[in-house]
Amino acid sequence: MSDLTTFPNAPLPTDAQVRARSNLFIQAARFAVLNIKMIVMVTKGHH
């Protein structure tokens, strides 16, 4: 018996999504935005 789980109905990423995920500049920009969102959330939590 195989322990492999498959998801046949899962959507496949488009070519644009694959390029965006492998582009370091886009990854760095998304990382920066995520960090800014976290900083804003933490600063709002401290009254």
PDB file of N, CA and C in Angstrom:
ATOM      1  N   MET A   1       0.844  -1.180   0.000  1.00  0.00           N
ATOM      2  CA  MET A   1       0.000   0.000   0.000  1.00  0.00           C
ATOM      3  C   MET A   1       0.893   1.248   0.000  1.00  0.00           C
ATOM      4  N   SER A   2       0.510   2.239  -0.782  1.00  0.00           N
ATOM      5  CA  SER A   2       1.291   3.456  -0.924  1.00  0.00           C
ATOM      6  C   SER A   2       0.797   4.529   0.044  1.00  0.00           C
ATOM      7  N   ASP A   3       1.735   5.281   0.620  1.00  0.00           N
ATOM      8  CA  ASP A   3       1.385   6.386   1.508  1.00  0.00           C
ATOM      9  C   ASP A   3       1.261   7.702   0.746  1.00  0.00           C
ATOM     10  N   LEU A   4       1.325   7.636  -0.575  1.00  0.00           N
ATOM     11  CA  LEU A   4       1.280   8.824  -1.402  1.00  0.00           C
ATOM     12  C   LEU A   4      -0.151   9.316  -1.540  1.00  0.00           C
ATOM     13  N   THR A   5      -0.367  10.610  -1.268  1.00  0.00           N
ATOM     14  CA  THR A   5      -1.682  11.213  -1.427  1.00  0.00           C
ATOM     15  C   THR A   5      -1.663  12.062  -2.682  1.00  0.00           C
ATOM     16  N   THR A   6      -2.655  11.882  -3.523  1.00  0.00           N
ATOM     17  CA  THR A   6      -2.752  12.675  -4.738  1.00  0.00           C
ATOM     18  C   THR A   6      -4.009  13.532  -4.683  1.00  0.00           C
ATOM     19  N   PHE A   7      -3.963  14.648  -5.357  1.00  0.00           N
ATOM     20  CA  PHE A   7      -5.092  15.564  -5.432  1.00  0.00           C
ATOM     21  C   PHE A   7      -5.392  15.828  -6.906  1.00  0.00           C
ATOM     22  N   PRO A   8      -6.132  14.958  -7.541  1.00  0.00           N
ATOM     23  CA  PRO A   8      -6.352  15.093  -8.983  1.00  0.00           C
ATOM     24  C   PRO A   8      -7.167  16.330  -9.364  1.00  0.00           C
ATOM     25  N   ASN A   9      -7.964  16.861  -8.447  1.00  0.00           N
ATOM     26  CA  ASN A   9      -8.800  18.023  -8.769  1.00  0.00           C
ATOM     27  C   ASN A   9      -8.146  19.339  -8.379  1.00  0.00           C
ATOM     28  N   ALA A  10      -6.923  19.298  -7.868  1.00  0.00           N
ATOM     29  CA  ALA A  10      -6.234  20.519  -7.458  1.00  0.00           C
ATOM     30  C   ALA A  10      -5.851  21.334  -8.698  1.00  0.00           C
ATOM     31  N   PRO A  11      -6.038  22.656  -8.634  1.00  0.00           N
ATOM     32  CA  PRO A  11      -5.676  23.483  -9.788  1.00  0.00           C
ATOM     33  C   PRO A  11      -4.162  23.574  -9.945  1.00  0.00           C
ATOM     34  N   LEU A  12      -3.704  23.531 -11.172  1.00  0.00           N
ATOM     35  CA  LEU A  12      -2.277  23.678 -11.462  1.00  0.00           C
ATOM     36  C   LEU A  12      -1.956  25.160 -11.637  1.00  0.00           C
ATOM     37  N   PRO A  13      -0.769  25.597 -11.214  1.00  0.00           N
ATOM     38  CA  PRO A  13      -0.416  27.007 -11.392  1.00  0.00           C
ATOM     39  C   PRO A  13      -0.230  27.340 -12.872  1.00  0.00           C
ATOM     40  N   THR A  14      -0.581  28.574 -13.207  1.00  0.00           N
ATOM     41  CA  THR A  14      -0.384  29.032 -14.580  1.00  0.00           C
ATOM     42  C   THR A  14       1.098  29.310 -14.803  1.00  0.00           C
ATOM     43  N   ASP A  15       1.473  29.532 -16.048  1.00  0.00           N
ATOM     44  CA  ASP A  15       2.871  29.854 -16.358  1.00  0.00           C
ATOM     45  C   ASP A  15       3.299  31.138 -15.659  1.00  0.00           C
ATOM     46  N   ALA A  16       2.395  32.126 -15.594  1.00  0.00           N
ATOM     47  CA  ALA A  16       2.720  33.394 -14.929  1.00  0.00           C
ATOM     48  C   ALA A  16       2.952  33.172 -13.440  1.00  0.00           C
ATOM     49  N   GLN A  17       2.163  32.322 -12.813  1.00  0.00           N
ATOM     50  CA  GLN A  17       2.336  32.040 -11.392  1.00  0.00           C
ATOM     51  C   GLN A  17       3.662  31.332 -11.132  1.00  0.00           C
ATOM     52  N   VAL A  18       4.023  30.408 -11.996  1.00  0.00           N
ATOM     53  CA  VAL A  18       5.287  29.691 -11.831  1.00  0.00           C
ATOM     54  C   VAL A  18       6.460  30.655 -11.978  1.00  0.00           C
ATOM     55  N   ARG A  19       6.390  31.549 -12.974  1.00  0.00           N
ATOM     56  CA  ARG A  19       7.464  32.540 -13.155  1.00  0.00           C
ATOM     57  C   ARG A  19       7.552  33.469 -11.948  1.00  0.00           C
ATOM     58  N   ALA A  20       6.407  33.909 -11.425  1.00  0.00           N
ATOM     59  CA  ALA A  20       6.404  34.814 -10.270  1.00  0.00           C
ATOM     60  C   ALA A  20       6.974  34.130  -9.033  1.00  0.00           C
ATOM     61  N   ARG A  21       6.680  32.855  -8.870  1.00  0.00           N
ATOM     62  CA  ARG A  21       7.174  32.130  -7.703  1.00  0.00           C
ATOM     63  C   ARG A  21       8.669  31.869  -7.778  1.00  0.00           C
ATOM     64  N   SER A  22       9.227  31.815  -8.978  1.00  0.00           N
ATOM     65  CA  SER A  22      10.651  31.537  -9.119  1.00  0.00           C
ATOM     66  C   SER A  22      11.476  32.805  -9.322  1.00  0.00           C
ATOM     67  N   ASN A  23      10.815  33.975  -9.412  1.00  0.00           N
ATOM     68  CA  ASN A  23      11.518  35.241  -9.608  1.00  0.00           C
ATOM     69  C   ASN A  23      11.936  35.786  -8.241  1.00  0.00           C
ATOM     70  N   LEU A  24      13.236  35.939  -8.024  1.00  0.00           N
ATOM     71  CA  LEU A  24      13.739  36.388  -6.726  1.00  0.00           C
ATOM     72  C   LEU A  24      13.299  37.810  -6.389  1.00  0.00           C
ATOM     73  N   PHE A  25      13.186  38.684  -7.379  1.00  0.00           N
ATOM     74  CA  PHE A  25      12.759  40.056  -7.115  1.00  0.00           C
ATOM     75  C   PHE A  25      11.329  40.078  -6.579  1.00  0.00           C
ATOM     76  N   ILE A  26      10.453  39.309  -7.197  1.00  0.00           N
ATOM     77  CA  ILE A  26       9.060  39.258  -6.742  1.00  0.00           C
ATOM     78  C   ILE A  26       8.981  38.615  -5.358  1.00  0.00           C
ATOM     79  N   GLN A  27       9.772  37.582  -5.126  1.00  0.00           N
ATOM     80  CA  GLN A  27       9.790  36.950  -3.806  1.00  0.00           C
ATOM     81  C   GLN A  27      10.254  37.937  -2.742  1.00  0.00           C
ATOM     82  N   ALA A  28      11.281  38.723  -3.038  1.00  0.00           N
ATOM     83  CA  ALA A  28      11.789  39.705  -2.075  1.00  0.00           C
ATOM     84  C   ALA A  28      10.740  40.780  -1.800  1.00  0.00           C
ATOM     85  N   ALA A  29      10.038  41.222  -2.836  1.00  0.00           N
ATOM     86  CA  ALA A  29       9.002  42.236  -2.656  1.00  0.00           C
ATOM     87  C   ALA A  29       7.859  41.682  -1.807  1.00  0.00           C
ATOM     88  N   ARG A  30       7.440  40.466  -2.085  1.00  0.00           N
ATOM     89  CA  ARG A  30       6.357  39.861  -1.293  1.00  0.00           C
ATOM     90  C   ARG A  30       6.794  39.662   0.160  1.00  0.00           C
ATOM     91  N   PHE A  31       8.060  39.296   0.362  1.00  0.00           N
ATOM     92  CA  PHE A  31       8.594  39.119   1.711  1.00  0.00           C
ATOM     93  C   PHE A  31       8.577  40.446   2.463  1.00  0.00           C
ATOM     94  N   ALA A  32       8.971  41.523   1.787  1.00  0.00           N
ATOM     95  CA  ALA A  32       8.973  42.847   2.414  1.00  0.00           C
ATOM     96  C   ALA A  32       7.560  43.274   2.790  1.00  0.00           C
ATOM     97  N   VAL A  33       6.609  43.057   1.901  1.00  0.00           N
ATOM     98  CA  VAL A  33       5.214  43.412   2.183  1.00  0.00           C
ATOM     99  C   VAL A  33       4.692  42.609   3.371  1.00  0.00           C
ATOM    100  N   LEU A  34       5.005  41.330   3.411  1.00  0.00           N
ATOM    101  CA  LEU A  34       4.577  40.488   4.526  1.00  0.00           C
ATOM    102  C   LEU A  34       5.163  41.001   5.835  1.00  0.00           C
ATOM    103  N   ASN A  35       6.458  41.357   5.836  1.00  0.00           N
ATOM    104  CA  ASN A  35       7.088  41.871   7.046  1.00  0.00           C
ATOM    105  C   ASN A  35       6.467  43.185   7.491  1.00  0.00           C
ATOM    106  N   ILE A  36       6.161  44.056   6.553  1.00  0.00           N
ATOM    107  CA  ILE A  36       5.526  45.339   6.896  1.00  0.00           C
ATOM    108  C   ILE A  36       4.154  45.089   7.511  1.00  0.00           C
ATOM    109  N   LYS A  37       3.396  44.165   6.951  1.00  0.00           N
ATOM    110  CA  LYS A  37       2.080  43.844   7.510  1.00  0.00           C
ATOM    111  C   LYS A  37       2.207  43.321   8.935  1.00  0.00           C
ATOM    112  N   MET A  38       3.207  42.485   9.179  1.00  0.00           N
ATOM    113  CA  MET A  38       3.410  41.946  10.531  1.00  0.00           C
ATOM    114  C   MET A  38       3.803  43.057  11.498  1.00  0.00           C
ATOM    115  N   ILE A  39       4.682  43.963  11.053  1.00  0.00           N
ATOM    116  CA  ILE A  39       5.099  45.068  11.917  1.00  0.00           C
ATOM    117  C   ILE A  39       3.894  45.946  12.267  1.00  0.00           C
ATOM    118  N   VAL A  40       3.061  46.235  11.295  1.00  0.00           N
ATOM    119  CA  VAL A  40       1.867  47.038  11.544  1.00  0.00           C
ATOM    120  C   VAL A  40       0.946  46.325  12.530  1.00  0.00           C
ATOM    121  N   MET A  41       0.752  45.040  12.364  1.00  0.00           N
ATOM    122  CA  MET A  41      -0.116  44.280  13.253  1.00  0.00           C
ATOM    123  C   MET A  41       0.435  44.288  14.681  1.00  0.00           C
ATOM    124  N   VAL A  42       1.731  44.111  14.848  1.00  0.00           N
ATOM    125  CA  VAL A  42       2.327  44.086  16.184  1.00  0.00           C
ATOM    126  C   VAL A  42       2.248  45.465  16.826  1.00  0.00           C
ATOM    127  N   THR A  43       2.526  46.513  16.073  1.00  0.00           N
ATOM    128  CA  THR A  43       2.485  47.870  16.661  1.00  0.00           C
ATOM    129  C   THR A  43       1.062  48.266  17.022  1.00  0.00           C
ATOM    130  N   LYS A  44       0.063  47.819  16.291  1.00  0.00           N
ATOM    131  CA  LYS A  44      -1.331  48.117  16.650  1.00  0.00           C
ATOM    132  C   LYS A  44      -1.735  47.359  17.916  1.00  0.00           C
ATOM    133  N   GLY A  45      -1.118  46.227  18.170  1.00  0.00           N
ATOM    134  CA  GLY A  45      -1.455  45.432  19.340  1.00  0.00           C
ATOM    135  C   GLY A  45      -0.914  46.015  20.632  1.00  0.00           C
ATOM    136  N   HIS A  46       0.105  46.851  20.545  1.00  0.00           N
ATOM    137  CA  HIS A  46       0.688  47.476  21.738  1.00  0.00           C
ATOM    138  C   HIS A  46       0.060  48.847  21.919  1.00  0.00           C
ATOM    139  N   HIS A  47      -0.755  49.005  22.930  1.00  0.00           N
ATOM    140  CA  HIS A  47      -1.505  50.258  23.114  1.00  0.00           C
ATOM    141  C   HIS A  47      -0.616  51.353  23.598  1.00  0.00           C
TER     142      HIS A  47
END
